[in-house]
Amino acid sequence: MSRVYNPDSAGKERNQLTRSIVLALRELMKQQGTDDLTRDLAAYVALALDDVNGTIEASVSAWEKRGYWVKADKFRLEWEWTSGYSRTLSEALKKEDWATVAMTSAKIAQKFNKITVPERNRLGTPWVGSWKRLMEAK
């Protein structure tokens, strides 16, 4: 019997999420004021970072089964910032603290500076309705 191949792995989901975060950050940096689009963009970044954090354990569990403890711990340390920035961004959005949102967004952009997203991409606009989802998650 052949191996079962999962095309929707945690790594693939993480790559797609990070690219969409970079795209959302680009759009967020272009915004002049605070409107519904700005709220959606910032909320999407917070929610997507939380989703990225959720994919870490799925990737690490496979390595731990094989005894690659050091690799697993190193990977966890490499991505541990996602939960903190997600929480900070969510709290700042709920308080309407746009200075903190801007500062945190800049820090997130620095973390993702090596990720490239072409101008003509297939990601679309995944951030539509994110503000509402964030407020419902209270």
N, C-alpha and C. Protein backbone atom coordinates (compact mmCIF):
# COMPACT_ATOMS: atom_id res chain seq x y z
N MET A 1 0.85 -1.18 0.00
CA MET A 1 0.00 0.00 0.00
C MET A 1 0.89 1.24 0.00
N SER A 2 0.49 2.27 -0.71
CA SER A 2 1.29 3.48 -0.81
C SER A 2 0.98 4.43 0.34
N ARG A 3 1.82 5.43 0.45
CA ARG A 3 1.64 6.43 1.50
C ARG A 3 0.42 7.29 1.23
N VAL A 4 -0.17 7.76 2.30
CA VAL A 4 -1.28 8.69 2.18
C VAL A 4 -0.69 10.09 2.17
N TYR A 5 -0.97 10.83 1.12
CA TYR A 5 -0.42 12.16 0.96
C TYR A 5 -1.48 13.19 1.29
N ASN A 6 -1.14 14.09 2.20
CA ASN A 6 -2.05 15.16 2.59
C ASN A 6 -1.63 16.45 1.89
N PRO A 7 -2.38 16.89 0.88
CA PRO A 7 -1.98 18.11 0.17
C PRO A 7 -2.18 19.38 0.99
N ASP A 8 -2.95 19.32 2.05
CA ASP A 8 -3.20 20.49 2.89
C ASP A 8 -2.44 20.38 4.19
N SER A 9 -1.12 20.38 4.11
CA SER A 9 -0.30 20.22 5.30
C SER A 9 -0.23 21.53 6.08
N ALA A 10 0.26 21.43 7.30
CA ALA A 10 0.39 22.62 8.15
C ALA A 10 1.39 23.60 7.56
N GLY A 11 2.45 23.09 6.96
CA GLY A 11 3.46 23.96 6.35
C GLY A 11 2.90 24.75 5.18
N LYS A 12 2.09 24.09 4.37
CA LYS A 12 1.48 24.77 3.22
C LYS A 12 0.50 25.83 3.70
N GLU A 13 -0.27 25.50 4.72
CA GLU A 13 -1.21 26.47 5.29
C GLU A 13 -0.46 27.67 5.88
N ARG A 14 0.65 27.39 6.56
CA ARG A 14 1.45 28.46 7.16
C ARG A 14 2.03 29.37 6.07
N ASN A 15 2.52 28.79 4.98
CA ASN A 15 3.05 29.60 3.88
C ASN A 15 1.97 30.49 3.27
N GLN A 16 0.80 29.94 3.08
CA GLN A 16 -0.30 30.72 2.51
C GLN A 16 -0.72 31.84 3.47
N LEU A 17 -0.77 31.52 4.76
CA LEU A 17 -1.13 32.55 5.74
C LEU A 17 -0.09 33.66 5.80
N THR A 18 1.19 33.30 5.79
CA THR A 18 2.22 34.33 5.87
C THR A 18 2.20 35.23 4.64
N ARG A 19 1.95 34.65 3.47
CA ARG A 19 1.85 35.48 2.27
C ARG A 19 0.66 36.42 2.34
N SER A 20 -0.45 35.91 2.85
CA SER A 20 -1.63 36.78 2.95
C SER A 20 -1.42 37.86 4.01
N ILE A 21 -0.67 37.56 5.06
CA ILE A 21 -0.35 38.58 6.07
C ILE A 21 0.50 39.67 5.44
N VAL A 22 1.50 39.28 4.65
CA VAL A 22 2.35 40.27 3.98
C VAL A 22 1.51 41.15 3.06
N LEU A 23 0.60 40.53 2.33
CA LEU A 23 -0.28 41.29 1.44
C LEU A 23 -1.17 42.26 2.23
N ALA A 24 -1.72 41.78 3.35
CA ALA A 24 -2.56 42.64 4.19
C ALA A 24 -1.75 43.78 4.80
N LEU A 25 -0.51 43.50 5.19
CA LEU A 25 0.34 44.55 5.74
C LEU A 25 0.67 45.61 4.69
N ARG A 26 0.90 45.17 3.46
CA ARG A 26 1.13 46.13 2.37
C ARG A 26 -0.06 47.07 2.22
N GLU A 27 -1.25 46.48 2.20
CA GLU A 27 -2.46 47.29 2.06
C GLU A 27 -2.67 48.19 3.27
N LEU A 28 -2.35 47.68 4.46
CA LEU A 28 -2.52 48.45 5.69
C LEU A 28 -1.59 49.66 5.70
N MET A 29 -0.38 49.50 5.19
CA MET A 29 0.58 50.61 5.15
C MET A 29 0.14 51.69 4.17
N LYS A 30 -0.68 51.33 3.18
CA LYS A 30 -1.16 52.31 2.20
C LYS A 30 -2.32 53.14 2.74
N GLN A 31 -2.95 52.70 3.81
CA GLN A 31 -4.14 53.37 4.34
C GLN A 31 -3.78 54.71 4.97
N GLN A 32 -4.62 55.71 4.71
CA GLN A 32 -4.40 57.05 5.25
C GLN A 32 -5.10 57.26 6.58
N GLY A 33 -6.34 56.85 6.67
CA GLY A 33 -7.11 57.03 7.90
C GLY A 33 -7.59 55.69 8.42
N THR A 34 -8.49 55.77 9.40
CA THR A 34 -9.04 54.53 9.95
C THR A 34 -10.48 54.38 9.49
N ASP A 35 -10.70 53.42 8.62
CA ASP A 35 -12.04 53.12 8.14
C ASP A 35 -12.28 51.62 8.28
N ASP A 36 -13.35 51.13 7.69
CA ASP A 36 -13.68 49.71 7.80
C ASP A 36 -12.61 48.82 7.19
N LEU A 37 -12.03 49.25 6.07
CA LEU A 37 -10.98 48.47 5.44
C LEU A 37 -9.75 48.37 6.34
N THR A 38 -9.38 49.47 6.98
CA THR A 38 -8.24 49.47 7.88
C THR A 38 -8.47 48.51 9.05
N ARG A 39 -9.67 48.55 9.60
CA ARG A 39 -10.00 47.64 10.70
C ARG A 39 -9.95 46.19 10.24
N ASP A 40 -10.50 45.92 9.06
CA ASP A 40 -10.48 44.56 8.52
C ASP A 40 -9.06 44.06 8.30
N LEU A 41 -8.22 44.91 7.74
CA LEU A 41 -6.83 44.52 7.47
C LEU A 41 -6.08 44.19 8.76
N ALA A 42 -6.17 45.07 9.74
CA ALA A 42 -5.46 44.85 11.00
C ALA A 42 -6.02 43.64 11.74
N ALA A 43 -7.33 43.48 11.72
CA ALA A 43 -7.94 42.32 12.38
C ALA A 43 -7.53 41.03 11.68
N TYR A 44 -7.43 41.07 10.35
CA TYR A 44 -7.01 39.87 9.63
C TYR A 44 -5.59 39.47 10.01
N VAL A 45 -4.71 40.45 10.14
CA VAL A 45 -3.33 40.14 10.52
C VAL A 45 -3.31 39.47 11.89
N ALA A 46 -4.09 39.99 12.83
CA ALA A 46 -4.14 39.40 14.17
C ALA A 46 -4.69 37.97 14.13
N LEU A 47 -5.77 37.76 13.40
CA LEU A 47 -6.38 36.43 13.33
C LEU A 47 -5.48 35.45 12.58
N ALA A 48 -4.84 35.91 11.51
CA ALA A 48 -3.96 35.03 10.73
C ALA A 48 -2.72 34.65 11.53
N LEU A 49 -2.19 35.57 12.33
CA LEU A 49 -1.05 35.23 13.18
C LEU A 49 -1.43 34.16 14.19
N ASP A 50 -2.64 34.25 14.70
CA ASP A 50 -3.13 33.23 15.62
C ASP A 50 -3.25 31.88 14.91
N ASP A 51 -3.71 31.89 13.66
CA ASP A 51 -3.79 30.66 12.88
C ASP A 51 -2.40 30.09 12.59
N VAL A 52 -1.44 30.97 12.29
CA VAL A 52 -0.06 30.52 12.07
C VAL A 52 0.46 29.84 13.32
N ASN A 53 0.18 30.43 14.46
CA ASN A 53 0.62 29.84 15.73
C ASN A 53 0.00 28.46 15.92
N GLY A 54 -1.22 28.27 15.44
CA GLY A 54 -1.87 26.98 15.56
C GLY A 54 -1.27 25.90 14.69
N THR A 55 -0.58 26.28 13.61
CA THR A 55 0.03 25.29 12.72
C THR A 55 1.37 24.78 13.22
N ILE A 56 1.93 25.45 14.20
CA ILE A 56 3.28 25.10 14.66
C ILE A 56 3.30 23.71 15.29
N GLU A 57 2.37 23.43 16.16
CA GLU A 57 2.37 22.13 16.84
C GLU A 57 2.17 20.96 15.88
N ALA A 58 1.39 21.17 14.83
CA ALA A 58 1.19 20.10 13.85
C ALA A 58 2.50 19.75 13.15
N SER A 59 3.30 20.77 12.84
CA SER A 59 4.59 20.53 12.20
C SER A 59 5.57 19.89 13.16
N VAL A 60 5.56 20.35 14.37
CA VAL A 60 6.54 19.90 15.37
C VAL A 60 6.26 18.47 15.83
N SER A 61 5.00 18.08 15.87
CA SER A 61 4.67 16.75 16.38
C SER A 61 5.29 15.65 15.52
N ALA A 62 5.36 15.85 14.22
CA ALA A 62 5.99 14.85 13.35
C ALA A 62 7.47 14.70 13.66
N TRP A 63 8.14 15.80 13.94
CA TRP A 63 9.56 15.73 14.26
C TRP A 63 9.78 15.07 15.62
N GLU A 64 8.90 15.37 16.57
CA GLU A 64 9.06 14.78 17.90
C GLU A 64 8.83 13.28 17.88
N LYS A 65 7.95 12.79 17.00
CA LYS A 65 7.74 11.35 16.87
C LYS A 65 9.02 10.64 16.44
N ARG A 66 9.82 11.32 15.64
CA ARG A 66 11.06 10.74 15.14
C ARG A 66 12.26 11.03 16.04
N GLY A 67 12.03 11.77 17.11
CA GLY A 67 13.11 12.05 18.05
C GLY A 67 13.94 13.27 17.73
N TYR A 68 13.47 14.14 16.86
CA TYR A 68 14.20 15.36 16.52
C TYR A 68 13.79 16.48 17.48
N TRP A 69 14.16 16.32 18.74
CA TRP A 69 13.73 17.27 19.78
C TRP A 69 14.33 18.65 19.58
N VAL A 70 15.61 18.70 19.22
CA VAL A 70 16.28 19.99 19.06
C VAL A 70 15.67 20.77 17.89
N LYS A 71 15.42 20.07 16.79
CA LYS A 71 14.81 20.72 15.63
C LYS A 71 13.41 21.24 15.97
N ALA A 72 12.66 20.45 16.72
CA ALA A 72 11.30 20.85 17.11
C ALA A 72 11.34 22.08 18.01
N ASP A 73 12.23 22.07 18.99
CA ASP A 73 12.33 23.22 19.90
C ASP A 73 12.80 24.47 19.17
N LYS A 74 13.74 24.30 18.25
CA LYS A 74 14.23 25.44 17.49
C LYS A 74 13.11 26.05 16.64
N PHE A 75 12.29 25.18 16.04
CA PHE A 75 11.17 25.65 15.22
C PHE A 75 10.15 26.39 16.07
N ARG A 76 9.87 25.85 17.26
CA ARG A 76 8.93 26.53 18.18
C ARG A 76 9.45 27.92 18.55
N LEU A 77 10.74 28.00 18.87
CA LEU A 77 11.33 29.29 19.24
C LEU A 77 11.30 30.28 18.07
N GLU A 78 11.44 29.76 16.87
CA GLU A 78 11.44 30.60 15.68
C GLU A 78 10.08 31.26 15.45
N TRP A 79 9.00 30.60 15.87
CA TRP A 79 7.66 31.09 15.61
C TRP A 79 6.91 31.52 16.87
N GLU A 80 7.54 31.53 18.04
CA GLU A 80 6.81 31.85 19.27
C GLU A 80 6.31 33.29 19.32
N TRP A 81 6.90 34.18 18.56
CA TRP A 81 6.50 35.58 18.55
C TRP A 81 5.09 35.78 18.00
N THR A 82 4.58 34.82 17.22
CA THR A 82 3.27 35.01 16.58
C THR A 82 2.14 35.16 17.58
N SER A 83 2.17 34.38 18.65
CA SER A 83 1.08 34.47 19.62
C SER A 83 1.10 35.80 20.36
N GLY A 84 2.28 36.28 20.71
CA GLY A 84 2.39 37.56 21.41
C GLY A 84 1.93 38.74 20.56
N TYR A 85 2.39 38.77 19.31
CA TYR A 85 1.99 39.86 18.42
C TYR A 85 0.51 39.79 18.09
N SER A 86 -0.02 38.58 17.95
CA SER A 86 -1.46 38.43 17.69
C SER A 86 -2.27 38.98 18.85
N ARG A 87 -1.87 38.65 20.06
CA ARG A 87 -2.58 39.12 21.25
C ARG A 87 -2.47 40.65 21.37
N THR A 88 -1.26 41.19 21.17
CA THR A 88 -1.05 42.63 21.26
C THR A 88 -1.89 43.38 20.23
N LEU A 89 -1.90 42.87 19.01
CA LEU A 89 -2.65 43.51 17.95
C LEU A 89 -4.15 43.44 18.21
N SER A 90 -4.63 42.30 18.68
CA SER A 90 -6.06 42.15 18.99
C SER A 90 -6.50 43.11 20.09
N GLU A 91 -5.70 43.19 21.16
CA GLU A 91 -6.04 44.09 22.26
C GLU A 91 -6.01 45.55 21.82
N ALA A 92 -5.02 45.91 21.01
CA ALA A 92 -4.94 47.29 20.52
C ALA A 92 -6.12 47.63 19.62
N LEU A 93 -6.54 46.67 18.81
CA LEU A 93 -7.69 46.91 17.94
C LEU A 93 -8.97 47.09 18.74
N LYS A 94 -9.14 46.28 19.77
CA LYS A 94 -10.36 46.38 20.58
C LYS A 94 -10.42 47.70 21.34
N LYS A 95 -9.23 48.26 21.66
CA LYS A 95 -9.17 49.55 22.36
C LYS A 95 -9.10 50.73 21.38
N GLU A 96 -9.02 50.42 20.07
CA GLU A 96 -8.86 51.45 19.03
C GLU A 96 -7.56 52.23 19.23
N ASP A 97 -6.51 51.56 19.68
CA ASP A 97 -5.20 52.17 19.89
C ASP A 97 -4.38 52.02 18.61
N TRP A 98 -4.52 52.98 17.70
CA TRP A 98 -3.92 52.86 16.38
C TRP A 98 -2.41 53.06 16.39
N ALA A 99 -1.87 53.72 17.39
CA ALA A 99 -0.41 53.85 17.49
C ALA A 99 0.22 52.48 17.74
N THR A 100 -0.37 51.71 18.64
CA THR A 100 0.13 50.36 18.93
C THR A 100 -0.07 49.45 17.72
N VAL A 101 -1.19 49.61 17.03
CA VAL A 101 -1.44 48.80 15.83
C VAL A 101 -0.35 49.08 14.79
N ALA A 102 -0.02 50.35 14.58
CA ALA A 102 1.00 50.71 13.59
C ALA A 102 2.37 50.18 13.99
N MET A 103 2.71 50.32 15.27
CA MET A 103 4.01 49.86 15.74
C MET A 103 4.13 48.34 15.65
N THR A 104 3.08 47.63 16.05
CA THR A 104 3.10 46.17 16.00
C THR A 104 3.11 45.69 14.55
N SER A 105 2.38 46.37 13.69
CA SER A 105 2.37 46.00 12.27
C SER A 105 3.76 46.15 11.66
N ALA A 106 4.47 47.20 12.05
CA ALA A 106 5.83 47.40 11.55
C ALA A 106 6.76 46.28 12.03
N LYS A 107 6.60 45.85 13.28
CA LYS A 107 7.41 44.75 13.81
C LYS A 107 7.11 43.45 13.08
N ILE A 108 5.84 43.22 12.79
CA ILE A 108 5.45 42.01 12.06
C ILE A 108 6.02 42.05 10.65
N ALA A 109 5.97 43.21 10.02
CA ALA A 109 6.52 43.36 8.67
C ALA A 109 8.02 43.06 8.65
N GLN A 110 8.73 43.45 9.72
CA GLN A 110 10.15 43.14 9.80
C GLN A 110 10.39 41.64 9.90
N LYS A 111 9.53 40.94 10.61
CA LYS A 111 9.66 39.49 10.74
C LYS A 111 9.45 38.79 9.39
N PHE A 112 8.58 39.36 8.57
CA PHE A 112 8.24 38.75 7.28
C PHE A 112 8.94 39.45 6.12
N ASN A 113 10.07 40.09 6.36
CA ASN A 113 10.72 40.88 5.31
C ASN A 113 11.26 40.03 4.16
N LYS A 114 11.49 38.74 4.38
CA LYS A 114 12.04 37.89 3.31
C LYS A 114 10.96 37.21 2.48
N ILE A 115 9.72 37.35 2.87
CA ILE A 115 8.62 36.71 2.13
C ILE A 115 8.20 37.62 0.99
N THR A 116 8.19 37.06 -0.20
CA THR A 116 7.80 37.84 -1.37
C THR A 116 6.43 37.40 -1.86
N VAL A 117 5.62 38.39 -2.19
CA VAL A 117 4.30 38.14 -2.77
C VAL A 117 4.24 38.96 -4.05
N PRO A 118 4.02 38.31 -5.18
CA PRO A 118 3.95 39.08 -6.43
C PRO A 118 2.75 40.02 -6.45
N GLU A 119 2.87 41.08 -7.22
CA GLU A 119 1.78 42.05 -7.31
C GLU A 119 0.51 41.40 -7.86
N ARG A 120 0.67 40.49 -8.81
CA ARG A 120 -0.47 39.77 -9.38
C ARG A 120 -0.52 38.39 -8.73
N ASN A 121 -1.24 38.30 -7.64
CA ASN A 121 -1.30 37.05 -6.88
C ASN A 121 -2.70 36.47 -6.93
N ARG A 122 -2.83 35.28 -6.39
CA ARG A 122 -4.13 34.60 -6.37
C ARG A 122 -4.76 34.58 -4.99
N LEU A 123 -4.24 35.38 -4.09
CA LEU A 123 -4.73 35.34 -2.72
C LEU A 123 -6.07 36.06 -2.55
N GLY A 124 -6.34 37.02 -3.39
CA GLY A 124 -7.60 37.75 -3.28
C GLY A 124 -7.59 38.72 -2.10
N THR A 125 -8.74 38.84 -1.45
CA THR A 125 -8.87 39.72 -0.28
C THR A 125 -9.43 38.92 0.89
N PRO A 126 -8.59 38.13 1.54
CA PRO A 126 -9.08 37.28 2.63
C PRO A 126 -9.46 38.05 3.89
N TRP A 127 -9.16 39.33 3.94
CA TRP A 127 -9.40 40.10 5.16
C TRP A 127 -10.83 40.65 5.25
N VAL A 128 -11.62 40.51 4.23
CA VAL A 128 -12.99 41.04 4.25
C VAL A 128 -13.79 40.35 5.36
N GLY A 129 -14.33 41.14 6.28
CA GLY A 129 -15.13 40.61 7.39
C GLY A 129 -14.33 40.21 8.61
N SER A 130 -13.02 40.45 8.61
CA SER A 130 -12.18 40.03 9.74
C SER A 130 -12.46 40.82 11.01
N TRP A 131 -12.81 42.09 10.86
CA TRP A 131 -13.12 42.92 12.04
C TRP A 131 -14.30 42.33 12.79
N LYS A 132 -15.31 41.93 12.05
CA LYS A 132 -16.51 41.34 12.66
C LYS A 132 -16.16 40.02 13.36
N ARG A 133 -15.34 39.19 12.72
CA ARG A 133 -14.92 37.92 13.33
C ARG A 133 -14.12 38.15 14.60
N LEU A 134 -13.26 39.18 14.59
CA LEU A 134 -12.45 39.47 15.78
C LEU A 134 -13.33 39.94 16.93
N MET A 135 -14.32 40.77 16.63
CA MET A 135 -15.21 41.26 17.67
C MET A 135 -16.12 40.15 18.21
N GLU A 136 -16.49 39.20 17.38
CA GLU A 136 -17.30 38.07 17.83
C GLU A 136 -16.49 37.11 18.69
N ALA A 137 -15.19 37.12 18.52
CA ALA A 137 -14.32 36.20 19.27
C ALA A 137 -14.02 36.70 20.67
N LYS A 138 -14.54 37.84 21.06
CA LYS A 138 -14.27 38.43 22.38
C LYS A 138 -14.46 37.45 23.48
